[in-house]
Amino acid sequence: MYCIDLNSDLGESFGTYVLGRDEEVLSSITSANVACGFHAGDPQVMQRTVAAAKTKGVAVGAHPGHPDLQGFGRRTLGCTPQEAYAFCLYQIGALQAFCAPQGMELQHVKPHGALYNQGAVSPELAESMIRAVRDASAAQKTPLIFMGLAGSAYEKIAADLSVPFAAEAFADRAYTEEGTLVSRREPGAVLHDPEIISQRILEMITRGTVETITGKRISLKPSSICVHGDTPEAVEIAGTLRKNLEAQGIALKPLKEVLGL
């Protein structure tokens, strides 16, 4: 039987600014990547999101990003490996503090936006972030999983540092022939049709391939599928994807269970 995790980036509201329909998205996913206050989120939003995830039976992961509220963490900012390590360790620790009173442990860590993309092509940044995940695991009973782009530099470095790795694919994003995400500035970079998205994800899970923006098929075998929580169609995409995958006999489980940890 095929088994997959569905994740979404949540907790991205800030103060009176509300982004996304987190409660509805939580009904369809198995793992939540919670913003930790640098690119989005604030302490109260973090607290509410962790509590809501527990109520829905959804596993919680940290979603650390650049200190870039104005740019939503999607601007490519220069940072040293030492800075990336500190950014991640700080944000992971903050979310761990909100999980503890709920009787929960963090399941995973997934960098956000530009930080995620920079680490996927920079071994030095990737190593610094994965070391932060390894070191933050000392604060809990079970090791944290590092979630990163399938086929990227992250996977080998995680193995070298003995950190569990989860290969991630994106439900609503187009891919280049190199296996990277098409820039959001390019036409066709973001997909919107839930049925088309479902067929793409089904191909990834059952065949280990995906059609790129140029029409070429490349290898892609994910452990987790991301549905972005801040798109207008997020709720419909997540719900339709879950329904269609389950109709094909594919089990949806939190990342830890998918990896057998």
C-alpha atoms as a PDB file:
ATOM      1  CA  MET A   1       0.000   0.000   0.000  1.00  0.00           C
ATOM      2  CA  TYR A   2       1.207   3.491  -0.798  1.00  0.00           C
ATOM      3  CA  CYS A   3       1.451   5.934   2.108  1.00  0.00           C
ATOM      4  CA  ILE A   4       1.995   9.706   2.045  1.00  0.00           C
ATOM      5  CA  ASP A   5       2.029  12.722   4.352  1.00  0.00           C
ATOM      6  CA  LEU A   6       0.148  15.923   3.459  1.00  0.00           C
ATOM      7  CA  ASN A   7       1.657  19.097   4.927  1.00  0.00           C
ATOM      8  CA  SER A   8       0.770  22.776   4.832  1.00  0.00           C
ATOM      9  CA  ASP A   9       2.391  26.020   5.973  1.00  0.00           C
ATOM     10  CA  LEU A  10       0.166  27.470   8.686  1.00  0.00           C
ATOM     11  CA  GLY A  11       0.172  29.997  11.538  1.00  0.00           C
ATOM     12  CA  GLU A  12       1.174  32.801   9.188  1.00  0.00           C
ATOM     13  CA  SER A  13      -1.151  35.461  10.583  1.00  0.00           C
ATOM     14  CA  PHE A  14       0.406  38.321  12.537  1.00  0.00           C
ATOM     15  CA  GLY A  15      -1.328  40.633  14.994  1.00  0.00           C
ATOM     16  CA  THR A  16      -4.560  41.833  13.355  1.00  0.00           C
ATOM     17  CA  TYR A  17      -3.366  40.589   9.937  1.00  0.00           C
ATOM     18  CA  VAL A  18      -5.089  37.296   9.124  1.00  0.00           C
ATOM     19  CA  LEU A  19      -3.697  35.012   6.426  1.00  0.00           C
ATOM     20  CA  GLY A  20      -5.088  31.661   5.336  1.00  0.00           C
ATOM     21  CA  ARG A  21      -7.942  29.443   6.512  1.00  0.00           C
ATOM     22  CA  ASP A  22      -5.942  27.331   8.914  1.00  0.00           C
ATOM     23  CA  GLU A  23      -8.819  25.600  10.712  1.00  0.00           C
ATOM     24  CA  GLU A  24     -10.256  24.312   7.433  1.00  0.00           C
ATOM     25  CA  VAL A  25      -6.898  23.256   5.995  1.00  0.00           C
ATOM     26  CA  LEU A  26      -6.148  21.326   9.203  1.00  0.00           C
ATOM     27  CA  SER A  27      -9.100  19.064   8.462  1.00  0.00           C
ATOM     28  CA  SER A  28      -7.350  17.688   5.359  1.00  0.00           C
ATOM     29  CA  ILE A  29      -3.651  17.495   6.222  1.00  0.00           C
ATOM     30  CA  THR A  30      -1.546  15.238   8.452  1.00  0.00           C
ATOM     31  CA  SER A  31       1.377  17.572   9.286  1.00  0.00           C
ATOM     32  CA  ALA A  32       1.465  21.350   9.876  1.00  0.00           C
ATOM     33  CA  ASN A  33       4.501  23.584   9.344  1.00  0.00           C
ATOM     34  CA  VAL A  34       4.003  26.407  11.836  1.00  0.00           C
ATOM     35  CA  ALA A  35       5.577  29.848  11.282  1.00  0.00           C
ATOM     36  CA  CYS A  36       7.794  30.871  14.191  1.00  0.00           C
ATOM     37  CA  GLY A  37       7.656  34.663  14.174  1.00  0.00           C
ATOM     38  CA  PHE A  38      10.461  35.586  11.762  1.00  0.00           C
ATOM     39  CA  HIS A  39       8.769  35.607   8.344  1.00  0.00           C
ATOM     40  CA  ALA A  40       5.232  35.396   9.778  1.00  0.00           C
ATOM     41  CA  GLY A  41       3.341  34.470  12.919  1.00  0.00           C
ATOM     42  CA  ASP A  42       3.559  35.804  16.453  1.00  0.00           C
ATOM     43  CA  PRO A  43       3.478  34.171  19.921  1.00  0.00           C
ATOM     44  CA  GLN A  44      -0.313  34.103  20.191  1.00  0.00           C
ATOM     45  CA  VAL A  45      -0.742  32.764  16.667  1.00  0.00           C
ATOM     46  CA  MET A  46       1.851  30.077  17.368  1.00  0.00           C
ATOM     47  CA  GLN A  47       0.027  29.064  20.542  1.00  0.00           C
ATOM     48  CA  ARG A  48      -3.370  28.897  18.817  1.00  0.00           C
ATOM     49  CA  THR A  49      -2.046  26.976  15.836  1.00  0.00           C
ATOM     50  CA  VAL A  50      -0.372  24.300  17.946  1.00  0.00           C
ATOM     51  CA  ALA A  51      -3.548  23.885  20.014  1.00  0.00           C
ATOM     52  CA  ALA A  52      -5.704  23.638  16.873  1.00  0.00           C
ATOM     53  CA  ALA A  53      -3.374  21.054  15.341  1.00  0.00           C
ATOM     54  CA  LYS A  54      -3.584  18.930  18.489  1.00  0.00           C
ATOM     55  CA  THR A  55      -7.379  19.071  18.396  1.00  0.00           C
ATOM     56  CA  LYS A  56      -7.372  17.885  14.775  1.00  0.00           C
ATOM     57  CA  GLY A  57      -4.793  15.155  15.394  1.00  0.00           C
ATOM     58  CA  VAL A  58      -2.260  16.842  13.105  1.00  0.00           C
ATOM     59  CA  ALA A  59       1.491  16.574  13.789  1.00  0.00           C
ATOM     60  CA  VAL A  60       3.375  19.848  14.256  1.00  0.00           C
ATOM     61  CA  GLY A  61       6.626  20.992  12.678  1.00  0.00           C
ATOM     62  CA  ALA A  62       8.600  24.228  12.849  1.00  0.00           C
ATOM     63  CA  HIS A  63       8.754  26.472   9.766  1.00  0.00           C
ATOM     64  CA  PRO A  64      11.750  28.784  10.326  1.00  0.00           C
ATOM     65  CA  GLY A  65      12.506  31.535   7.847  1.00  0.00           C
ATOM     66  CA  HIS A  66      14.535  34.685   7.306  1.00  0.00           C
ATOM     67  CA  PRO A  67      13.830  37.617   9.685  1.00  0.00           C
ATOM     68  CA  ASP A  68      11.715  39.243   6.986  1.00  0.00           C
ATOM     69  CA  LEU A  69       8.139  40.024   7.980  1.00  0.00           C
ATOM     70  CA  GLN A  70       7.777  42.680   5.283  1.00  0.00           C
ATOM     71  CA  GLY A  71       8.857  40.320   2.506  1.00  0.00           C
ATOM     72  CA  PHE A  72       7.127  37.261   4.007  1.00  0.00           C
ATOM     73  CA  GLY A  73      10.471  35.443   3.948  1.00  0.00           C
ATOM     74  CA  ARG A  74      10.381  35.157   0.170  1.00  0.00           C
ATOM     75  CA  ARG A  75      13.169  37.640  -0.492  1.00  0.00           C
ATOM     76  CA  THR A  76      16.628  36.149  -0.953  1.00  0.00           C
ATOM     77  CA  LEU A  77      18.614  37.672   1.902  1.00  0.00           C
ATOM     78  CA  GLY A  78      22.307  37.155   2.368  1.00  0.00           C
ATOM     79  CA  CYS A  79      23.176  35.193   5.495  1.00  0.00           C
ATOM     80  CA  THR A  80      26.162  33.211   6.691  1.00  0.00           C
ATOM     81  CA  PRO A  81      25.898  29.547   7.685  1.00  0.00           C
ATOM     82  CA  GLN A  82      26.365  30.653  11.314  1.00  0.00           C
ATOM     83  CA  GLU A  83      23.414  33.037  11.005  1.00  0.00           C
ATOM     84  CA  ALA A  84      21.239  30.366   9.354  1.00  0.00           C
ATOM     85  CA  TYR A  85      22.065  27.966  12.194  1.00  0.00           C
ATOM     86  CA  ALA A  86      21.103  30.554  14.830  1.00  0.00           C
ATOM     87  CA  PHE A  87      17.925  31.600  12.983  1.00  0.00           C
ATOM     88  CA  CYS A  88      16.731  27.995  12.833  1.00  0.00           C
ATOM     89  CA  LEU A  89      17.719  26.973  16.358  1.00  0.00           C
ATOM     90  CA  TYR A  90      16.003  30.046  17.814  1.00  0.00           C
ATOM     91  CA  GLN A  91      12.742  29.472  15.959  1.00  0.00           C
ATOM     92  CA  ILE A  92      12.648  25.722  16.597  1.00  0.00           C
ATOM     93  CA  GLY A  93      13.126  26.338  20.307  1.00  0.00           C
ATOM     94  CA  ALA A  94      10.315  28.889  20.365  1.00  0.00           C
ATOM     95  CA  LEU A  95       7.831  26.438  18.871  1.00  0.00           C
ATOM     96  CA  GLN A  96       9.012  23.599  21.105  1.00  0.00           C
ATOM     97  CA  ALA A  97       8.065  25.800  24.059  1.00  0.00           C
ATOM     98  CA  PHE A  98       4.488  26.050  22.791  1.00  0.00           C
ATOM     99  CA  CYS A  99       4.243  22.304  22.134  1.00  0.00           C
ATOM    100  CA  ALA A 100       5.325  21.234  25.630  1.00  0.00           C
ATOM    101  CA  PRO A 101       2.240  22.552  27.507  1.00  0.00           C
ATOM    102  CA  GLN A 102       0.048  20.717  24.972  1.00  0.00           C
ATOM    103  CA  GLY A 103       1.825  17.430  25.739  1.00  0.00           C
ATOM    104  CA  MET A 104       3.239  17.416  22.188  1.00  0.00           C
ATOM    105  CA  GLU A 105       6.675  17.163  20.625  1.00  0.00           C
ATOM    106  CA  LEU A 106       7.736  18.696  17.360  1.00  0.00           C
ATOM    107  CA  GLN A 107       7.742  16.139  14.560  1.00  0.00           C
ATOM    108  CA  HIS A 108       9.836  17.941  11.941  1.00  0.00           C
ATOM    109  CA  VAL A 109      11.466  21.132  10.707  1.00  0.00           C
ATOM    110  CA  LYS A 110      10.965  22.607   7.244  1.00  0.00           C
ATOM    111  CA  PRO A 111      12.697  25.885   6.302  1.00  0.00           C
ATOM    112  CA  HIS A 112      10.497  28.538   4.724  1.00  0.00           C
ATOM    113  CA  GLY A 113      10.590  30.345   1.398  1.00  0.00           C
ATOM    114  CA  ALA A 114      13.898  31.850   0.339  1.00  0.00           C
ATOM    115  CA  LEU A 115      15.797  30.132   3.145  1.00  0.00           C
ATOM    116  CA  TYR A 116      14.468  26.765   1.932  1.00  0.00           C
ATOM    117  CA  ASN A 117      15.461  27.512  -1.668  1.00  0.00           C
ATOM    118  CA  GLN A 118      18.913  28.830  -0.716  1.00  0.00           C
ATOM    119  CA  GLY A 119      19.696  25.736   1.334  1.00  0.00           C
ATOM    120  CA  ALA A 120      18.594  23.448  -1.486  1.00  0.00           C
ATOM    121  CA  VAL A 121      21.484  24.699  -3.651  1.00  0.00           C
ATOM    122  CA  SER A 122      24.029  25.666  -0.974  1.00  0.00           C
ATOM    123  CA  PRO A 123      25.629  22.750   0.909  1.00  0.00           C
ATOM    124  CA  GLU A 124      27.016  25.167   3.510  1.00  0.00           C
ATOM    125  CA  LEU A 125      23.609  26.639   4.367  1.00  0.00           C
ATOM    126  CA  ALA A 126      21.961  23.230   4.204  1.00  0.00           C
ATOM    127  CA  GLU A 127      24.469  21.802   6.664  1.00  0.00           C
ATOM    128  CA  SER A 128      23.998  24.674   9.106  1.00  0.00           C
ATOM    129  CA  MET A 129      20.212  24.259   9.137  1.00  0.00           C
ATOM    130  CA  ILE A 130      20.372  20.493   9.498  1.00  0.00           C
ATOM    131  CA  ARG A 131      22.857  20.845  12.367  1.00  0.00           C
ATOM    132  CA  ALA A 132      20.342  23.139  14.076  1.00  0.00           C
ATOM    133  CA  VAL A 133      17.693  20.436  13.690  1.00  0.00           C
ATOM    134  CA  ARG A 134      20.041  17.809  15.090  1.00  0.00           C
ATOM    135  CA  ASP A 135      20.969  19.997  18.055  1.00  0.00           C
ATOM    136  CA  ALA A 136      17.350  20.967  18.781  1.00  0.00           C
ATOM    137  CA  SER A 137      16.465  17.271  18.971  1.00  0.00           C
ATOM    138  CA  ALA A 138      18.317  17.163  22.305  1.00  0.00           C
ATOM    139  CA  ALA A 139      15.396  19.079  23.835  1.00  0.00           C
ATOM    140  CA  GLN A 140      12.911  16.254  23.222  1.00  0.00           C
ATOM    141  CA  LYS A 141      12.616  12.479  23.401  1.00  0.00           C
ATOM    142  CA  THR A 142      12.286  11.764  19.694  1.00  0.00           C
ATOM    143  CA  PRO A 143      14.587  13.066  16.936  1.00  0.00           C
ATOM    144  CA  LEU A 144      13.339  15.820  14.675  1.00  0.00           C
ATOM    145  CA  ILE A 145      12.889  15.087  10.977  1.00  0.00           C
ATOM    146  CA  PHE A 146      14.319  17.534   8.454  1.00  0.00           C
ATOM    147  CA  MET A 147      11.963  18.148   5.540  1.00  0.00           C
ATOM    148  CA  GLY A 148      13.526  19.414   2.315  1.00  0.00           C
ATOM    149  CA  LEU A 149      13.162  19.507  -1.434  1.00  0.00           C
ATOM    150  CA  ALA A 150      13.307  16.060  -3.017  1.00  0.00           C
ATOM    151  CA  GLY A 151      16.553  15.485  -4.923  1.00  0.00           C
ATOM    152  CA  SER A 152      18.304  18.487  -3.356  1.00  0.00           C
ATOM    153  CA  ALA A 153      21.554  18.883  -1.409  1.00  0.00           C
ATOM    154  CA  TYR A 154      19.609  18.418   1.805  1.00  0.00           C
ATOM    155  CA  GLU A 155      19.220  14.646   1.552  1.00  0.00           C
ATOM    156  CA  LYS A 156      22.895  13.605   1.535  1.00  0.00           C
ATOM    157  CA  ILE A 157      23.835  16.126   4.221  1.00  0.00           C
ATOM    158  CA  ALA A 158      21.028  14.902   6.481  1.00  0.00           C
ATOM    159  CA  ALA A 159      22.304  11.334   6.043  1.00  0.00           C
ATOM    160  CA  ASP A 160      25.867  12.435   6.839  1.00  0.00           C
ATOM    161  CA  LEU A 161      24.657  14.115  10.053  1.00  0.00           C
ATOM    162  CA  SER A 162      22.375  11.180  10.988  1.00  0.00           C
ATOM    163  CA  VAL A 163      19.246  13.347  10.828  1.00  0.00           C
ATOM    164  CA  PRO A 164      16.051  11.704   9.498  1.00  0.00           C
ATOM    165  CA  PHE A 165      15.136  13.219   6.142  1.00  0.00           C
ATOM    166  CA  ALA A 166      11.782  13.592   4.403  1.00  0.00           C
ATOM    167  CA  ALA A 167      11.716  14.375   0.681  1.00  0.00           C
ATOM    168  CA  GLU A 168       9.053  16.962  -0.089  1.00  0.00           C
ATOM    169  CA  ALA A 169       7.134  17.710  -3.275  1.00  0.00           C
ATOM    170  CA  PHE A 170       4.741  20.592  -3.911  1.00  0.00           C
ATOM    171  CA  ALA A 171       1.165  20.031  -4.988  1.00  0.00           C
ATOM    172  CA  ASP A 172       0.570  23.480  -6.424  1.00  0.00           C
ATOM    173  CA  ARG A 173       3.956  24.376  -7.917  1.00  0.00           C
ATOM    174  CA  ALA A 174       5.507  23.705 -11.327  1.00  0.00           C
ATOM    175  CA  TYR A 175       8.938  22.056 -11.631  1.00  0.00           C
ATOM    176  CA  THR A 176      11.936  22.745 -13.846  1.00  0.00           C
ATOM    177  CA  GLU A 177      13.822  19.968 -15.639  1.00  0.00           C
ATOM    178  CA  GLU A 178      16.470  20.251 -12.896  1.00  0.00           C
ATOM    179  CA  GLY A 179      13.898  19.313 -10.244  1.00  0.00           C
ATOM    180  CA  THR A 180      13.701  22.793  -8.709  1.00  0.00           C
ATOM    181  CA  LEU A 181      10.584  24.920  -8.358  1.00  0.00           C
ATOM    182  CA  VAL A 182       9.724  27.352 -11.126  1.00  0.00           C
ATOM    183  CA  SER A 183      10.054  30.918  -9.838  1.00  0.00           C
ATOM    184  CA  ARG A 184       6.771  32.462  -8.738  1.00  0.00           C
ATOM    185  CA  ARG A 185       7.585  35.349 -11.081  1.00  0.00           C
ATOM    186  CA  GLU A 186       7.254  33.033 -14.089  1.00  0.00           C
ATOM    187  CA  PRO A 187       3.909  32.244 -15.836  1.00  0.00           C
ATOM    188  CA  GLY A 188       2.528  28.852 -14.838  1.00  0.00           C
ATOM    189  CA  ALA A 189       4.616  28.606 -11.673  1.00  0.00           C
ATOM    190  CA  VAL A 190       1.580  28.128  -9.415  1.00  0.00           C
ATOM    191  CA  LEU A 191      -1.127  25.560 -10.221  1.00  0.00           C
ATOM    192  CA  HIS A 192      -4.754  26.132  -9.271  1.00  0.00           C
ATOM    193  CA  ASP A 193      -6.912  23.233 -10.561  1.00  0.00           C
ATOM    194  CA  PRO A 194      -7.458  20.664  -7.762  1.00  0.00           C
ATOM    195  CA  GLU A 195      -8.106  17.799 -10.204  1.00  0.00           C
ATOM    196  CA  ILE A 196      -4.954  18.439 -12.237  1.00  0.00           C
ATOM    197  CA  ILE A 197      -2.979  18.747  -9.010  1.00  0.00           C
ATOM    198  CA  SER A 198      -4.409  15.440  -7.769  1.00  0.00           C
ATOM    199  CA  GLN A 199      -3.323  13.638 -10.937  1.00  0.00           C
ATOM    200  CA  ARG A 200       0.210  15.062 -10.648  1.00  0.00           C
ATOM    201  CA  ILE A 201       0.524  13.944  -7.049  1.00  0.00           C
ATOM    202  CA  LEU A 202      -0.860  10.499  -7.839  1.00  0.00           C
ATOM    203  CA  GLU A 203       1.851  10.137 -10.499  1.00  0.00           C
ATOM    204  CA  MET A 204       4.543  11.173  -8.013  1.00  0.00           C
ATOM    205  CA  ILE A 205       3.382   8.636  -5.440  1.00  0.00           C
ATOM    206  CA  THR A 206       2.754   5.653  -7.700  1.00  0.00           C
ATOM    207  CA  ARG A 207       5.324   6.203 -10.477  1.00  0.00           C
ATOM    208  CA  GLY A 208       7.949   8.396  -8.836  1.00  0.00           C
ATOM    209  CA  THR A 209       7.836  10.941 -11.678  1.00  0.00           C
ATOM    210  CA  VAL A 210       6.472  14.420 -12.395  1.00  0.00           C
ATOM    211  CA  GLU A 211       5.887  16.390 -15.579  1.00  0.00           C
ATOM    212  CA  THR A 212       7.981  19.566 -15.684  1.00  0.00           C
ATOM    213  CA  ILE A 213       6.872  22.932 -17.028  1.00  0.00           C
ATOM    214  CA  THR A 214       8.530  22.037 -20.355  1.00  0.00           C
ATOM    215  CA  GLY A 215       6.624  18.739 -20.639  1.00  0.00           C
ATOM    216  CA  LYS A 216       9.568  16.493 -19.771  1.00  0.00           C
ATOM    217  CA  ARG A 217       9.137  13.877 -17.044  1.00  0.00           C
ATOM    218  CA  ILE A 218      11.747  13.618 -14.297  1.00  0.00           C
ATOM    219  CA  SER A 219      12.163  11.364 -11.269  1.00  0.00           C
ATOM    220  CA  LEU A 220      10.515  12.618  -8.060  1.00  0.00           C
ATOM    221  CA  LYS A 221       9.585  10.345  -5.142  1.00  0.00           C
ATOM    222  CA  PRO A 222       8.305  12.290  -2.123  1.00  0.00           C
ATOM    223  CA  SER A 223       7.503  11.303   1.447  1.00  0.00           C
ATOM    224  CA  SER A 224       5.392  14.421   1.974  1.00  0.00           C
ATOM    225  CA  ILE A 225       3.260  16.660  -0.258  1.00  0.00           C
ATOM    226  CA  CYS A 226       2.908  20.371   0.506  1.00  0.00           C
ATOM    227  CA  VAL A 227      -0.284  22.315  -0.116  1.00  0.00           C
ATOM    228  CA  HIS A 228       0.377  26.010   0.459  1.00  0.00           C
ATOM    229  CA  GLY A 229      -2.034  27.362   3.043  1.00  0.00           C
ATOM    230  CA  ASP A 230      -1.952  30.981   1.834  1.00  0.00           C
ATOM    231  CA  THR A 231      -3.381  30.462  -1.664  1.00  0.00           C
ATOM    232  CA  PRO A 232      -7.064  31.262  -2.354  1.00  0.00           C
ATOM    233  CA  GLU A 233      -7.756  27.640  -3.356  1.00  0.00           C
ATOM    234  CA  ALA A 234      -5.904  26.066  -0.413  1.00  0.00           C
ATOM    235  CA  VAL A 235      -8.943  24.539   1.285  1.00  0.00           C
ATOM    236  CA  GLU A 236     -10.390  23.154  -1.946  1.00  0.00           C
ATOM    237  CA  ILE A 237      -7.025  21.802  -3.106  1.00  0.00           C
ATOM    238  CA  ALA A 238      -6.268  20.103   0.208  1.00  0.00           C
ATOM    239  CA  GLY A 239      -9.747  18.589   0.488  1.00  0.00           C
ATOM    240  CA  THR A 240      -9.888  17.397  -3.115  1.00  0.00           C
ATOM    241  CA  LEU A 241      -6.375  15.967  -2.961  1.00  0.00           C
ATOM    242  CA  ARG A 242      -7.128  14.027   0.210  1.00  0.00           C
ATOM    243  CA  LYS A 243     -10.396  12.668  -1.208  1.00  0.00           C
ATOM    244  CA  ASN A 244      -8.832  11.609  -4.509  1.00  0.00           C
ATOM    245  CA  LEU A 245      -5.798   9.958  -2.913  1.00  0.00           C
ATOM    246  CA  GLU A 246      -7.913   8.022  -0.450  1.00  0.00           C
ATOM    247  CA  ALA A 247     -10.182   6.916  -3.303  1.00  0.00           C
ATOM    248  CA  GLN A 248      -7.071   5.333  -4.878  1.00  0.00           C
ATOM    249  CA  GLY A 249      -6.297   3.439  -1.673  1.00  0.00           C
ATOM    250  CA  ILE A 250      -3.411   5.685  -0.653  1.00  0.00           C
ATOM    251  CA  ALA A 251      -3.069   6.022   3.131  1.00  0.00           C
ATOM    252  CA  LEU A 252      -2.528   9.521   4.539  1.00  0.00           C
ATOM    253  CA  LYS A 253      -0.429   9.529   7.702  1.00  0.00           C
ATOM    254  CA  PRO A 254       1.825  11.928   9.639  1.00  0.00           C
ATOM    255  CA  LEU A 255       5.397  12.083   8.424  1.00  0.00           C
ATOM    256  CA  LYS A 256       6.801  10.068  11.305  1.00  0.00           C
ATOM    257  CA  GLU A 257       4.584   7.116  10.377  1.00  0.00           C
ATOM    258  CA  VAL A 258       5.362   7.422   6.660  1.00  0.00           C
ATOM    259  CA  LEU A 259       9.083   7.156   7.456  1.00  0.00           C
ATOM    260  CA  GLY A 260       8.547   4.352   9.968  1.00  0.00           C
ATOM    261  CA  LEU A 261      10.102   6.268  12.882  1.00  0.00           C
END
